[in-house]
C-alpha atoms as a PDB file:
ATOM      1  CA  MET A   1      93.084  75.226 135.788  1.00  0.00           C
ATOM      2  CA  ALA A   2      90.939  77.375 134.283  1.00  0.00           C
ATOM      3  CA  GLU A   3      93.441  80.084 133.392  1.00  0.00           C
ATOM      4  CA  PHE A   4      95.134  77.221 131.087  1.00  0.00           C
ATOM      5  CA  ASP A   5      92.112  76.690 129.263  1.00  0.00           C
ATOM      6  CA  GLU A   6      92.070  80.344 129.056  1.00  0.00           C
ATOM      7  CA  LYS A   7      95.330  80.745 127.441  1.00  0.00           C
ATOM      8  CA  PRO A   8      94.556  79.601 123.575  1.00  0.00           C
ATOM      9  CA  LYS A   9      91.246  81.514 123.772  1.00  0.00           C
ATOM     10  CA  HIS A  10      93.094  84.319 124.573  1.00  0.00           C
ATOM     11  CA  ALA A  11      95.554  83.682 121.873  1.00  0.00           C
ATOM     12  CA  ARG A  12      92.696  83.537 119.204  1.00  0.00           C
ATOM     13  CA  VAL A  13      91.430  86.423 120.544  1.00  0.00           C
ATOM     14  CA  VAL A  14      94.836  88.235 120.396  1.00  0.00           C
ATOM     15  CA  GLU A  15      95.449  87.068 116.473  1.00  0.00           C
ATOM     16  CA  ALA A  16      91.528  88.358 116.066  1.00  0.00           C
ATOM     17  CA  LEU A  17      92.443  91.693 117.270  1.00  0.00           C
ATOM     18  CA  MET A  18      95.637  92.417 115.758  1.00  0.00           C
ATOM     19  CA  SER A  19      94.029  91.563 111.825  1.00  0.00           C
ATOM     20  CA  THR A  20      90.711  93.525 112.183  1.00  0.00           C
ATOM     21  CA  ARG A  21      89.529  96.933 112.421  1.00  0.00           C
ATOM     22  CA  THR A  22      86.847  96.449 115.129  1.00  0.00           C
ATOM     23  CA  ILE A  23      85.861  94.172 118.163  1.00  0.00           C
ATOM     24  CA  ARG A  24      82.936  92.513 116.120  1.00  0.00           C
ATOM     25  CA  GLU A  25      85.099  91.574 113.336  1.00  0.00           C
ATOM     26  CA  ALA A  26      87.563  90.250 115.897  1.00  0.00           C
ATOM     27  CA  SER A  27      84.855  88.759 118.052  1.00  0.00           C
ATOM     28  CA  GLU A  28      83.356  86.789 114.444  1.00  0.00           C
ATOM     29  CA  LEU A  29      87.200  85.778 113.479  1.00  0.00           C
ATOM     30  CA  SER A  30      87.770  84.492 116.552  1.00  0.00           C
ATOM     31  CA  GLY A  31      84.733  82.576 117.246  1.00  0.00           C
ATOM     32  CA  VAL A  32      84.218  84.506 120.819  1.00  0.00           C
ATOM     33  CA  PRO A  33      80.913  86.297 121.358  1.00  0.00           C
ATOM     34  CA  GLU A  34      81.725  89.912 121.549  1.00  0.00           C
ATOM     35  CA  ARG A  35      80.501  90.123 125.406  1.00  0.00           C
ATOM     36  CA  THR A  36      83.462  87.436 126.832  1.00  0.00           C
ATOM     37  CA  LEU A  37      86.025  89.507 124.382  1.00  0.00           C
ATOM     38  CA  TYR A  38      85.129  92.138 126.172  1.00  0.00           C
ATOM     39  CA  ARG A  39      85.657  90.341 129.623  1.00  0.00           C
ATOM     40  CA  ILE A  40      88.613  88.959 128.234  1.00  0.00           C
ATOM     41  CA  MET A  41      90.264  91.955 127.602  1.00  0.00           C
ATOM     42  CA  SER A  42      89.459  93.574 130.814  1.00  0.00           C
ATOM     43  CA  ASN A  43      91.694  90.437 132.393  1.00  0.00           C
ATOM     44  CA  ALA A  44      95.246  91.557 133.379  1.00  0.00           C
ATOM     45  CA  GLU A  45      96.993  88.818 131.914  1.00  0.00           C
ATOM     46  CA  PHE A  46      95.288  88.815 128.790  1.00  0.00           C
ATOM     47  CA  SER A  47      96.144  92.895 128.682  1.00  0.00           C
ATOM     48  CA  LYS A  48      99.803  91.841 129.303  1.00  0.00           C
ATOM     49  CA  LEU A  49      99.682  89.490 126.239  1.00  0.00           C
ATOM     50  CA  TYR A  50      97.773  91.722 123.872  1.00  0.00           C
ATOM     51  CA  ARG A  51     100.602  94.164 124.487  1.00  0.00           C
ATOM     52  CA  GLU A  52     103.271  92.032 124.334  1.00  0.00           C
ATOM     53  CA  ALA A  53     101.926  91.136 120.438  1.00  0.00           C
ATOM     54  CA  ARG A  54     101.121  94.490 119.360  1.00  0.00           C
ATOM     55  CA  SER A  55     104.885  95.847 120.927  1.00  0.00           C
ATOM     56  CA  LEU A  56     106.270  92.751 118.818  1.00  0.00           C
ATOM     57  CA  ALA A  57     104.200  94.220 115.332  1.00  0.00           C
ATOM     58  CA  VAL A  58     105.174  97.600 115.872  1.00  0.00           C
ATOM     59  CA  SER A  59     109.369  96.696 116.500  1.00  0.00           C
ATOM     60  CA  ILE A  60     108.483  94.482 113.393  1.00  0.00           C
ATOM     61  CA  ALA A  61     107.482  97.072 111.565  1.00  0.00           C
ATOM     62  CA  THR A  62     109.965  99.461 112.839  1.00  0.00           C
ATOM     63  CA  ALA A  63     112.577  96.978 111.495  1.00  0.00           C
ATOM     64  CA  LYS A  64     111.020  97.000 108.072  1.00  0.00           C
ATOM     65  CA  LEU A  65     111.239 100.683 108.437  1.00  0.00           C
ATOM     66  CA  GLN A  66     114.896 100.815 109.180  1.00  0.00           C
ATOM     67  CA  LYS A  67     115.717  98.765 106.436  1.00  0.00           C
ATOM     68  CA  ALA A  68     113.920 100.604 103.641  1.00  0.00           C
ATOM     69  CA  SER A  69     115.373 103.966 104.645  1.00  0.00           C
ATOM     70  CA  SER A  70     118.548 103.372 103.185  1.00  0.00           C
ATOM     71  CA  LEU A  71     117.362 103.513 100.028  1.00  0.00           C
ATOM     72  CA  ALA A  72     114.786 106.313 100.892  1.00  0.00           C
ATOM     73  CA  VAL A  73     117.948 108.203 101.572  1.00  0.00           C
ATOM     74  CA  HIS A  74     119.710 107.279  98.255  1.00  0.00           C
ATOM     75  CA  THR A  75     116.663 108.497  96.243  1.00  0.00           C
ATOM     76  CA  LEU A  76     116.368 111.680  97.847  1.00  0.00           C
ATOM     77  CA  SER A  77     119.716 112.336  97.149  1.00  0.00           C
ATOM     78  CA  GLU A  78     119.416 111.028  94.077  1.00  0.00           C
ATOM     79  CA  ILE A  79     116.557 113.609  93.507  1.00  0.00           C
ATOM     80  CA  MET A  80     118.438 116.594  94.909  1.00  0.00           C
ATOM     81  CA  GLU A  81     121.162 116.003  93.005  1.00  0.00           C
ATOM     82  CA  ASP A  82     119.311 115.675  89.830  1.00  0.00           C
ATOM     83  CA  ALA A  83     119.890 118.554  87.985  1.00  0.00           C
ATOM     84  CA  GLU A  84     117.232 117.670  85.591  1.00  0.00           C
ATOM     85  CA  ALA A  85     114.707 117.260  88.380  1.00  0.00           C
ATOM     86  CA  SER A  86     112.187 119.969  88.873  1.00  0.00           C
ATOM     87  CA  ALA A  87     113.392 122.723  91.396  1.00  0.00           C
ATOM     88  CA  SER A  88     110.160 121.660  93.702  1.00  0.00           C
ATOM     89  CA  ALA A  89     110.995 118.102  93.789  1.00  0.00           C
ATOM     90  CA  ARG A  90     114.940 119.356  94.293  1.00  0.00           C
ATOM     91  CA  VAL A  91     113.682 121.795  97.346  1.00  0.00           C
ATOM     92  CA  SER A  92     111.291 119.191  98.422  1.00  0.00           C
ATOM     93  CA  ALA A  93     114.134 116.616  98.806  1.00  0.00           C
ATOM     94  CA  CYS A  94     116.300 118.679 100.336  1.00  0.00           C
ATOM     95  CA  LYS A  95     113.682 119.922 102.979  1.00  0.00           C
ATOM     96  CA  THR A  96     112.800 116.598 103.582  1.00  0.00           C
ATOM     97  CA  VAL A  97     116.742 115.353 104.583  1.00  0.00           C
ATOM     98  CA  ILE A  98     116.948 118.378 106.577  1.00  0.00           C
ATOM     99  CA  ASP A  99     114.324 117.623 108.634  1.00  0.00           C
ATOM    100  CA  LEU A 100     114.774 113.696 108.990  1.00  0.00           C
ATOM    101  CA  ALA A 101     118.391 115.062 109.902  1.00  0.00           C
ATOM    102  CA  LEU A 102     117.466 117.307 112.730  1.00  0.00           C
ATOM    103  CA  ARG A 103     114.697 114.753 114.141  1.00  0.00           C
ATOM    104  CA  ALA A 104     117.201 112.334 114.176  1.00  0.00           C
ATOM    105  CA  TYR A 105     119.966 114.430 116.023  1.00  0.00           C
ATOM    106  CA  GLU A 106     116.971 115.676 118.659  1.00  0.00           C
ATOM    107  CA  LEU A 107     115.877 112.172 119.287  1.00  0.00           C
ATOM    108  CA  GLU A 108     119.557 110.618 119.600  1.00  0.00           C
ATOM    109  CA  ASP A 109     120.467 113.829 121.970  1.00  0.00           C
ATOM    110  CA  LEU A 110     117.171 113.104 123.915  1.00  0.00           C
ATOM    111  CA  THR A 111     118.024 109.435 124.132  1.00  0.00           C
ATOM    112  CA  SER A 112     121.431 110.421 125.418  1.00  0.00           C
ATOM    113  CA  ARG A 113     119.878 112.970 128.003  1.00  0.00           C
ATOM    114  CA  VAL A 114     117.477 110.223 129.320  1.00  0.00           C
ATOM    115  CA  SER A 115     120.232 108.187 129.657  1.00  0.00           C
ATOM    116  CA  ALA A 116     122.453 110.087 131.739  1.00  0.00           C
ATOM    117  CA  LEU A 117     119.417 110.806 133.812  1.00  0.00           C
ATOM    118  CA  GLU A 118     118.899 107.022 134.373  1.00  0.00           C
ATOM    119  CA  ARG A 119     122.339 106.529 135.569  1.00  0.00           C
ATOM    120  CA  GLY A 120     122.027 109.101 137.850  1.00  0.00           C
ATOM    121  CA  ILE A 121     119.417 107.911 139.333  1.00  0.00           C
ATOM    122  CA  ASN A 122     120.166 104.279 139.833  1.00  0.00           C
ATOM    123  CA  ALA A 123     124.142 105.525 141.084  1.00  0.00           C
END
């Protein structure tokens, strides 16, 4: 029963850690003393909960970045094609597009290779 009683406190601590910069600030926000907060953070069940919350936050941020990427590519394309833009702005836009295209290709290739390796291991 003690574990069940800890869940609301764990949720408060996760929320505080996710919205502050320091342990001290998280302690103040959650109302949990710093020493207790450190003890909670060493708990395996709490660590899993905290990792899941952080993973969700990163997933949400990634989705927002992916959504904005179309506009970014469009803007870079406009700058590249704008004859009235400064040469340095056009070169910078071109370099950015090329760098990002190469990184995307490398990531796609790496993902494909890892998938093939995983299939080979699981076969």
